[in-house]
Protein backbone atom coordinates (compact mmCIF):
# COMPACT_ATOMS: atom_id res chain seq x y z
CA MET A 1 70.05 -13.70 234.21
CA MET A 2 67.06 -13.26 236.19
CA ARG A 3 65.46 -10.26 234.17
CA GLN A 4 65.41 -13.41 231.36
CA PHE A 5 64.57 -16.01 233.05
CA ALA A 6 61.62 -13.35 234.73
CA GLN A 7 60.49 -12.24 230.98
CA LEU A 8 60.61 -16.81 229.68
CA VAL A 9 57.52 -17.11 232.89
CA ARG A 10 55.78 -14.12 231.38
CA LEU A 11 55.93 -15.82 227.99
CA THR A 12 55.06 -19.04 229.08
CA ALA A 13 51.69 -18.24 231.57
CA VAL A 14 51.21 -15.76 228.52
CA PHE A 15 50.64 -18.98 225.99
CA MET A 16 49.63 -21.23 228.78
CA ARG A 17 46.47 -19.11 229.40
CA LEU A 18 45.99 -18.70 225.48
CA LEU A 19 45.89 -22.75 225.69
CA LEU A 20 43.75 -23.19 227.91
CA ARG A 21 40.91 -20.44 225.72
CA ASP A 22 41.29 -24.03 223.57
CA HIS A 23 38.31 -26.09 224.18
CA GLN A 24 39.69 -28.47 221.38
CA LEU A 25 42.86 -28.35 222.94
CA VAL A 26 42.25 -29.07 226.27
CA PHE A 27 38.50 -31.75 225.67
CA TRP A 28 42.17 -33.85 224.83
CA ASN A 29 44.61 -33.46 227.29
CA PHE A 30 42.15 -33.04 230.32
CA GLY A 31 38.91 -34.05 229.85
CA PHE A 32 39.51 -37.16 227.11
CA PHE A 33 41.95 -39.71 229.04
CA LEU A 34 40.55 -38.54 231.86
CA VAL A 35 37.23 -39.96 231.14
CA LEU A 36 39.08 -42.90 230.07
CA LEU A 37 40.74 -43.34 233.07
CA LEU A 38 38.04 -43.20 235.14
CA VAL A 39 35.72 -45.25 232.49
CA PHE A 40 38.15 -48.43 232.89
CA LEU A 41 38.97 -48.15 236.77
CA GLY A 42 35.17 -48.02 237.54
CA PHE A 43 33.93 -50.72 235.02
CA LEU A 44 37.03 -52.53 233.39
CA SER A 45 39.40 -53.22 236.49
CA GLY A 46 37.00 -55.81 237.90
CA GLY A 47 37.99 -53.70 241.84
CA GLU A 48 41.23 -55.26 241.93
CA SER A 49 44.35 -52.57 243.57
CA ALA A 50 46.74 -53.98 241.03
CA VAL A 51 44.95 -53.82 237.81
CA ARG A 52 43.74 -49.88 238.34
CA ILE A 53 47.63 -48.93 239.25
CA ALA A 54 48.60 -51.49 236.00
CA LEU A 55 45.75 -49.86 233.91
CA THR A 56 45.91 -46.42 235.67
CA ALA A 57 50.66 -46.33 234.43
CA ALA A 58 49.65 -46.97 230.58
CA ILE A 59 46.49 -44.92 230.63
CA VAL A 60 48.67 -42.34 232.41
CA THR A 61 51.83 -42.78 230.61
CA ILE A 62 49.72 -42.53 227.00
CA GLY A 63 47.71 -39.68 228.01
CA VAL A 64 51.79 -37.86 228.18
CA MET A 65 52.63 -39.88 224.59
CA ALA A 66 49.83 -38.20 223.08
CA ASN A 67 49.05 -35.30 224.08
CA GLY A 68 52.44 -34.50 224.15
CA LEU A 69 53.19 -35.41 220.92
CA PHE A 70 49.85 -33.98 219.45
CA SER A 71 50.22 -30.24 221.28
CA VAL A 72 53.71 -30.04 220.67
CA GLY A 73 54.15 -31.41 217.73
CA ILE A 74 50.79 -30.88 215.69
CA GLY A 75 50.66 -27.67 217.42
CA LEU A 76 53.70 -25.69 216.34
CA THR A 77 52.97 -27.49 212.75
CA ALA A 78 50.05 -25.32 212.57
CA ALA A 79 50.94 -22.48 213.84
CA ARG A 80 54.29 -21.95 212.05
CA LYS A 81 52.25 -23.16 208.65
CA ARG A 82 49.89 -20.52 209.62
CA GLY A 83 51.78 -17.61 209.58
CA VAL A 84 51.90 -17.38 213.63
CA PHE A 85 56.19 -17.51 214.65
CA ARG A 86 57.13 -14.77 211.38
CA ARG A 87 54.25 -12.16 213.38
CA TYR A 88 56.43 -13.23 216.82
CA ARG A 89 59.38 -12.43 214.55
CA LEU A 90 58.32 -8.64 214.76
CA MET A 91 58.14 -8.56 218.69
CA PRO A 92 61.28 -6.74 220.73
CA VAL A 93 62.01 -10.98 222.26
CA PRO A 94 64.32 -12.93 221.40
CA PHE A 95 62.34 -15.64 218.75
CA ALA A 96 64.02 -17.90 220.83
CA GLU A 97 63.09 -17.04 223.69
CA ILE A 98 59.29 -16.62 222.64
CA MET A 99 59.39 -20.56 220.40
CA LEU A 100 60.95 -22.14 224.00
CA ALA A 101 57.66 -19.97 226.01
CA SER A 102 55.18 -22.24 223.55
CA VAL A 103 56.59 -25.39 223.44
CA LEU A 104 57.12 -24.89 227.38
CA ALA A 105 53.76 -23.86 227.91
CA ARG A 106 52.91 -26.89 225.64
CA THR A 107 54.54 -29.13 227.36
CA LEU A 108 53.16 -28.28 231.04
CA VAL A 109 49.41 -28.26 229.87
CA VAL A 110 50.35 -31.78 229.05
CA LEU A 111 52.08 -32.12 233.43
CA LEU A 112 48.99 -30.28 234.16
CA ALA A 113 46.58 -32.91 232.34
CA ALA A 114 48.90 -35.91 233.55
CA ILE A 115 48.52 -34.40 237.48
CA VAL A 116 45.07 -34.87 237.24
CA GLN A 117 44.50 -38.10 235.98
CA VAL A 118 46.88 -39.50 239.00
CA PHE A 119 45.11 -37.48 241.70
CA ALA A 120 42.26 -38.91 240.22
CA ALA A 121 43.32 -42.43 240.29
CA HIS A 122 44.22 -42.13 243.81
CA LEU A 123 41.15 -40.27 245.14
CA LEU A 124 38.40 -41.14 244.00
CA PHE A 125 39.83 -45.01 243.10
CA ASN A 126 42.39 -45.41 245.78
CA VAL A 127 45.79 -46.31 243.57
CA SER A 128 48.17 -45.85 246.17
CA TRP A 129 51.89 -43.82 245.93
CA ARG A 130 53.80 -45.69 248.14
CA GLY A 131 56.48 -44.01 246.21
CA GLY A 132 55.08 -39.83 247.39
CA ILE A 133 54.47 -37.28 245.43
CA ALA A 134 58.26 -36.64 243.74
CA GLY A 135 58.05 -40.60 242.56
CA TRP A 136 56.19 -40.29 239.98
CA LEU A 137 55.82 -35.81 240.07
CA ALA A 138 59.42 -36.89 238.67
CA ILE A 139 58.79 -39.16 235.87
CA LEU A 140 55.83 -37.59 234.59
CA THR A 141 57.73 -34.05 234.15
CA MET A 142 60.62 -36.44 232.25
CA GLY A 143 58.04 -38.33 230.28
CA SER A 144 56.45 -35.30 229.63
CA LEU A 145 59.19 -32.54 228.77
CA THR A 146 60.80 -35.95 226.53
CA PHE A 147 57.34 -36.63 224.41
CA GLY A 148 57.31 -32.70 224.17
CA ALA A 149 60.39 -33.64 223.22
CA ILE A 150 60.22 -35.72 220.02
CA GLY A 151 56.55 -33.08 218.84
CA PHE A 152 59.22 -30.11 218.88
CA LEU A 153 61.50 -32.72 215.60
CA ILE A 154 58.02 -33.86 214.68
CA ALA A 155 57.29 -29.63 213.62
CA ALA A 156 61.04 -29.18 212.57
CA PHE A 157 60.37 -31.03 209.64
CA ALA A 158 57.15 -31.81 208.56
CA PRO A 159 56.37 -29.98 205.71
CA ALA A 160 52.34 -29.41 206.48
CA VAL A 161 50.34 -30.67 209.50
CA HIS A 162 48.78 -34.29 207.63
CA VAL A 163 52.70 -34.74 207.23
CA ALA A 164 53.04 -34.06 210.83
CA ASN A 165 49.48 -35.92 211.93
CA ARG A 166 51.63 -38.51 209.26
CA ILE A 167 54.63 -38.69 211.52
CA VAL A 168 53.33 -38.48 215.51
CA ASN A 169 50.60 -41.55 214.53
CA LEU A 170 53.54 -43.51 212.95
CA VAL A 171 55.82 -42.84 216.48
CA LEU A 172 53.24 -43.23 217.94
CA ILE A 173 50.91 -46.64 217.87
CA PRO A 174 54.34 -48.78 217.49
CA MET A 175 55.51 -47.61 221.05
CA MET A 176 52.00 -47.43 222.51
CA ALA A 177 52.26 -51.40 221.48
CA LEU A 178 55.44 -52.52 222.00
CA SER A 179 56.60 -50.07 225.25
CA GLY A 180 53.92 -51.95 227.87
CA THR A 181 51.59 -49.60 227.68
CA SER A 182 48.76 -50.72 226.27
CA LEU A 183 50.09 -54.38 225.56
CA PRO A 184 51.42 -55.72 228.99
CA MET A 185 55.48 -57.65 229.04
CA THR A 186 53.93 -61.02 229.66
CA MET A 187 52.62 -61.20 225.80
CA MET A 188 55.55 -60.03 224.03
CA PRO A 189 58.83 -62.56 223.03
CA ALA A 190 61.21 -62.94 225.96
CA SER A 191 63.33 -61.57 224.01
CA TRP A 192 61.48 -58.03 222.79
CA ALA A 193 60.81 -57.79 226.73
CA LYS A 194 64.94 -57.56 227.87
CA VAL A 195 64.58 -54.23 225.63
CA HIS A 196 61.74 -52.34 225.38
CA TRP A 197 62.89 -50.04 227.95
CA LEU A 198 64.59 -48.52 225.17
CA LEU A 199 61.77 -46.85 223.64
CA PRO A 200 60.38 -43.82 225.95
CA ALA A 201 57.62 -44.88 226.91
CA ALA A 202 58.37 -48.34 228.94
CA PRO A 203 60.83 -45.97 231.47
CA VAL A 204 57.70 -43.99 231.96
CA VAL A 205 54.93 -46.50 232.92
CA ASP A 206 57.43 -48.95 234.44
CA GLY A 207 59.00 -45.81 236.49
CA LEU A 208 55.24 -45.13 237.30
CA THR A 209 53.73 -49.34 238.01
CA ALA A 210 57.35 -48.60 240.72
CA VAL A 211 55.63 -45.61 242.70
CA PHE A 212 52.86 -47.16 242.65
CA VAL A 213 53.58 -50.70 243.73
CA GLN A 214 57.57 -50.55 244.92
CA GLY A 215 57.62 -47.89 246.78
CA ASP A 216 60.38 -46.54 244.65
CA GLY A 217 61.16 -42.85 245.28
CA VAL A 218 63.22 -40.28 243.21
CA ILE A 219 66.78 -41.67 243.45
CA ASP A 220 65.03 -44.72 243.33
CA ASN A 221 63.94 -44.04 239.22
CA LEU A 222 67.16 -42.05 238.33
CA TRP A 223 68.54 -43.76 235.55
CA ARG A 224 64.78 -43.55 234.17
CA LEU A 225 64.52 -40.14 234.69
CA GLY A 226 68.45 -39.93 233.35
CA TYR A 227 66.82 -41.92 230.04
CA LEU A 228 64.52 -39.07 229.70
CA GLY A 229 66.95 -36.55 229.80
CA ILE A 230 68.99 -38.31 226.95
CA TRP A 231 65.80 -38.46 225.24
CA ALA A 232 64.95 -34.95 225.13
CA LEU A 233 68.05 -33.60 225.35
CA ALA A 234 68.17 -35.99 221.86
CA ALA A 235 65.14 -34.86 220.27
CA TYR A 236 65.67 -30.90 221.32
CA ALA A 237 68.48 -30.52 219.76
CA ILE A 238 68.08 -32.60 215.99
CA GLY A 239 64.92 -30.61 216.69
CA ILE A 240 66.93 -27.33 216.80
CA SER A 241 69.24 -27.33 213.83
CA GLY A 242 65.68 -28.12 211.84
CA TRP A 243 63.36 -25.30 213.07
CA ARG A 244 66.60 -22.67 211.92
CA ARG A 245 65.72 -23.97 208.43
CA TYR A 246 62.56 -21.71 208.24
CA ASP A 247 63.84 -18.18 208.35
CA THR A 248 62.54 -14.96 207.83
CA GLU A 249 62.28 -14.93 204.36
CA ARG A 250 61.23 -18.01 204.38
CA MET A 251 58.79 -18.19 206.70
CA GLU A 252 56.88 -15.16 205.34
CA SER A 253 56.32 -16.82 202.07
CA GLU A 254 54.38 -19.27 204.14
């Protein structure tokens, strides 16, 4: 068991090194949303602490959503269409372990990018962490896993990259608008404000805000973490059934 775990860690580290050599992926995961955050906090917040906190929670959440869906969903679809996984099947390692390491590596990149953004907001604009590091780190970890899982699900059923791209946008744009990230819930109908938490982005942005403002810790956010875990498990379970369709013969024909 320990040997398999050590092998998984090594594979994940290898995939992470490969991903971090992709300049485009690094820009979109780390550069774009960090610059967006700095511009909004520096020039569009009016210097108000409450506004900076709200903007930080919203932009970091959007980054986790977008990077998780695009990096995992479109990244895995593109890799499959290029025949990358067919070549991986020739390795003396179980294919499921290779796939898990690939998804973990992409998810970790998403998480690291979000951590950089939160630290930047804290160090440069004094965005408080009243709930401590553990509080927001737990939210970001589960959020990254959840949207990585949804990306994994999309890649399992999207027959081509352009289809995956359309599905990602169909998921991302409405969720940005309706979860309280792009538009505050005060602008939403009262009936929707009561159920907006059903969308997986809502527990992330609300959880981050609670940590930053109210001082909520991990225990206070357990229900949000558990709800995100349900989304992640469901998406991975359905995604695994979809990936099983791509047996060796089909992958060789792509």
